[in-house]
């Protein structure tokens, strides 16, 4: 009997989709902070922070695709909290990095200070990503059942 090529794991993260999602979230995040959005300052700030947390989650899933959703969310949350905590430290070299556009987008601006509200927004974005990932089934937590049903190759007897 001929072997059938296994289908793509339906629970695996699609790199293409994660890249497209991350680019879309970055675009919406930058727009939310722009004057063109016309959003009140508090909405723009915390929406942007939540979207940044979502991008961190998407980036974690993209770079480490074999992680379960809870592990990816935990790692993304830890990274986001570490970045926020780094704003307590203002060495000249670090503030110089923060003064660049890429550095400011990742680490915050040189004038940025630590704020618990920022952490709450980052965690909300990370959680939103994890909930969306679980809802779409793109990556499940835990082990997967083997393919096939009873009496079939790879299934229970």
Protein backbone atom coordinates (compact mmCIF):
# COMPACT_ATOMS: atom_id res chain seq x y z
CA UNK A 1 0.00 0.00 0.00
CA UNK A 2 1.34 3.42 -0.93
CA UNK A 3 2.15 5.88 1.81
CA UNK A 4 0.10 9.04 1.83
CA UNK A 5 2.09 12.20 2.44
CA UNK A 6 1.11 13.67 5.79
CA UNK A 7 -0.90 16.86 5.58
CA UNK A 8 0.43 20.06 7.06
CA UNK A 9 -0.11 20.13 10.81
CA UNK A 10 -3.25 22.25 11.25
CA UNK A 11 -1.97 23.37 14.64
CA UNK A 12 1.31 24.75 13.33
CA UNK A 13 1.85 28.49 13.10
CA UNK A 14 1.96 29.85 9.57
CA UNK A 15 5.04 32.04 9.25
CA UNK A 16 3.47 33.96 6.39
CA UNK A 17 0.33 34.71 8.38
CA UNK A 18 2.31 35.77 11.44
CA UNK A 19 4.48 38.10 9.38
CA UNK A 20 1.44 39.63 7.71
CA UNK A 21 -0.38 39.94 11.04
CA UNK A 22 2.66 41.56 12.69
CA UNK A 23 3.03 44.06 9.83
CA UNK A 24 -0.68 44.92 10.02
CA UNK A 25 -0.52 45.36 13.81
CA UNK A 26 2.58 47.58 13.52
CA UNK A 27 0.79 49.71 10.91
CA UNK A 28 -2.31 50.07 13.11
CA UNK A 29 -0.13 50.79 16.15
CA UNK A 30 1.80 53.55 14.37
CA UNK A 31 -1.46 54.97 13.02
CA UNK A 32 -3.02 54.92 16.51
CA UNK A 33 -0.20 57.12 17.80
CA UNK A 34 -0.29 59.53 14.85
CA UNK A 35 -2.09 62.87 14.76
CA UNK A 36 -4.03 61.60 11.73
CA UNK A 37 -5.83 59.08 13.95
CA UNK A 38 -7.33 61.88 16.01
CA UNK A 39 -7.59 59.64 19.05
CA UNK A 40 -7.53 61.05 22.58
CA UNK A 41 -4.04 60.79 24.09
CA UNK A 42 -4.95 58.10 26.65
CA UNK A 43 -6.64 55.91 24.02
CA UNK A 44 -3.75 56.32 21.59
CA UNK A 45 -1.14 55.57 24.26
CA UNK A 46 -2.67 52.43 25.69
CA UNK A 47 -3.96 51.12 22.35
CA UNK A 48 -0.44 51.49 21.01
CA UNK A 49 0.99 49.73 24.07
CA UNK A 50 -1.49 46.86 23.76
CA UNK A 51 -0.69 46.52 20.06
CA UNK A 52 3.03 46.48 20.92
CA UNK A 53 2.34 43.59 23.31
CA UNK A 54 0.47 41.81 20.52
CA UNK A 55 3.43 42.27 18.15
CA UNK A 56 5.75 40.82 20.81
CA UNK A 57 3.46 37.77 21.04
CA UNK A 58 3.36 37.40 17.24
CA UNK A 59 7.13 37.77 17.05
CA UNK A 60 7.61 35.13 19.71
CA UNK A 61 5.37 32.73 17.79
CA UNK A 62 7.18 33.55 14.57
CA UNK A 63 10.69 33.06 15.97
CA UNK A 64 9.82 30.04 18.13
CA UNK A 65 7.03 28.28 16.22
CA UNK A 66 7.14 25.06 18.25
CA UNK A 67 6.18 26.74 21.51
CA UNK A 68 2.71 26.10 22.85
CA UNK A 69 0.43 29.11 23.05
CA UNK A 70 0.72 29.48 26.84
CA UNK A 71 4.52 29.26 26.68
CA UNK A 72 4.72 31.79 23.84
CA UNK A 73 2.39 34.13 25.76
CA UNK A 74 4.46 33.78 28.94
CA UNK A 75 7.71 34.44 27.11
CA UNK A 76 6.22 37.44 25.32
CA UNK A 77 4.86 38.82 28.61
CA UNK A 78 8.24 38.36 30.30
CA UNK A 79 9.99 40.18 27.44
CA UNK A 80 7.48 43.04 27.53
CA UNK A 81 7.88 43.40 31.30
CA UNK A 82 11.68 43.34 30.96
CA UNK A 83 11.58 46.09 28.35
CA UNK A 84 9.36 48.21 30.60
CA UNK A 85 11.63 47.56 33.61
CA UNK A 86 14.62 48.60 31.48
CA UNK A 87 13.11 52.09 31.43
CA UNK A 88 14.24 52.43 35.04
CA UNK A 89 17.83 52.44 33.74
CA UNK A 90 19.05 55.41 31.70
CA UNK A 91 22.66 54.88 30.69
CA UNK A 92 23.83 57.26 27.94
CA UNK A 93 24.46 54.40 25.49
CA UNK A 94 21.00 52.92 26.11
CA UNK A 95 19.28 56.27 25.75
CA UNK A 96 21.22 56.75 22.49
CA UNK A 97 19.74 53.48 21.21
CA UNK A 98 16.29 54.58 22.42
CA UNK A 99 16.80 57.83 20.51
CA UNK A 100 16.76 56.00 17.18
CA UNK A 101 13.45 55.12 15.51
CA UNK A 102 13.92 51.32 15.79
CA UNK A 103 15.27 51.61 19.34
CA UNK A 104 12.39 53.85 20.38
CA UNK A 105 9.81 51.46 18.91
CA UNK A 106 11.28 48.47 20.73
CA UNK A 107 12.64 49.97 23.97
CA UNK A 108 10.71 53.21 24.37
CA UNK A 109 12.02 56.74 23.92
CA UNK A 110 14.83 58.21 26.05
CA UNK A 111 12.19 60.17 28.00
CA UNK A 112 10.16 57.00 28.72
CA UNK A 113 9.70 56.06 32.34
CA UNK A 114 8.47 52.87 34.01
CA UNK A 115 4.68 52.66 34.40
CA UNK A 116 2.52 49.83 35.70
CA UNK A 117 -0.25 50.93 33.32
CA UNK A 118 2.07 50.22 30.38
CA UNK A 119 2.65 46.68 31.67
CA UNK A 120 -1.12 46.18 31.96
CA UNK A 121 -1.54 47.27 28.33
CA UNK A 122 1.31 45.00 27.14
CA UNK A 123 -0.22 42.06 29.00
CA UNK A 124 -3.63 42.81 27.48
CA UNK A 125 -2.11 42.73 23.99
CA UNK A 126 -0.22 39.52 24.71
CA UNK A 127 -3.36 37.92 26.14
CA UNK A 128 -5.41 39.02 23.12
CA UNK A 129 -2.90 37.32 20.84
CA UNK A 130 -2.98 34.11 22.87
CA UNK A 131 -6.79 34.05 22.95
CA UNK A 132 -6.97 34.67 19.20
CA UNK A 133 -4.40 31.96 18.52
CA UNK A 134 -6.26 29.43 20.65
CA UNK A 135 -9.61 30.39 19.10
CA UNK A 136 -8.28 29.86 15.59
CA UNK A 137 -6.48 26.67 16.55
CA UNK A 138 -3.25 27.78 14.93
CA UNK A 139 -1.24 26.44 17.86
CA UNK A 140 -2.64 24.36 20.69
CA UNK A 141 -1.20 23.87 24.11
CA UNK A 142 -0.02 20.44 25.15
CA UNK A 143 0.41 17.27 23.14
CA UNK A 144 -1.57 16.34 20.05
CA UNK A 145 -3.38 13.06 19.54
CA UNK A 146 -1.84 10.87 16.85
CA UNK A 147 -3.50 11.00 13.42
CA UNK A 148 -6.04 8.37 12.42
CA UNK A 149 -8.85 6.75 14.29
CA UNK A 150 -9.35 3.33 15.91
CA UNK A 151 -7.89 0.56 13.81
CA UNK A 152 -6.05 2.97 11.50
CA UNK A 153 -2.32 3.45 11.29
CA UNK A 154 -1.22 5.91 13.92
CA UNK A 155 -4.53 5.72 15.80
CA UNK A 156 -5.52 3.83 18.92
CA UNK A 157 -6.18 0.09 18.49
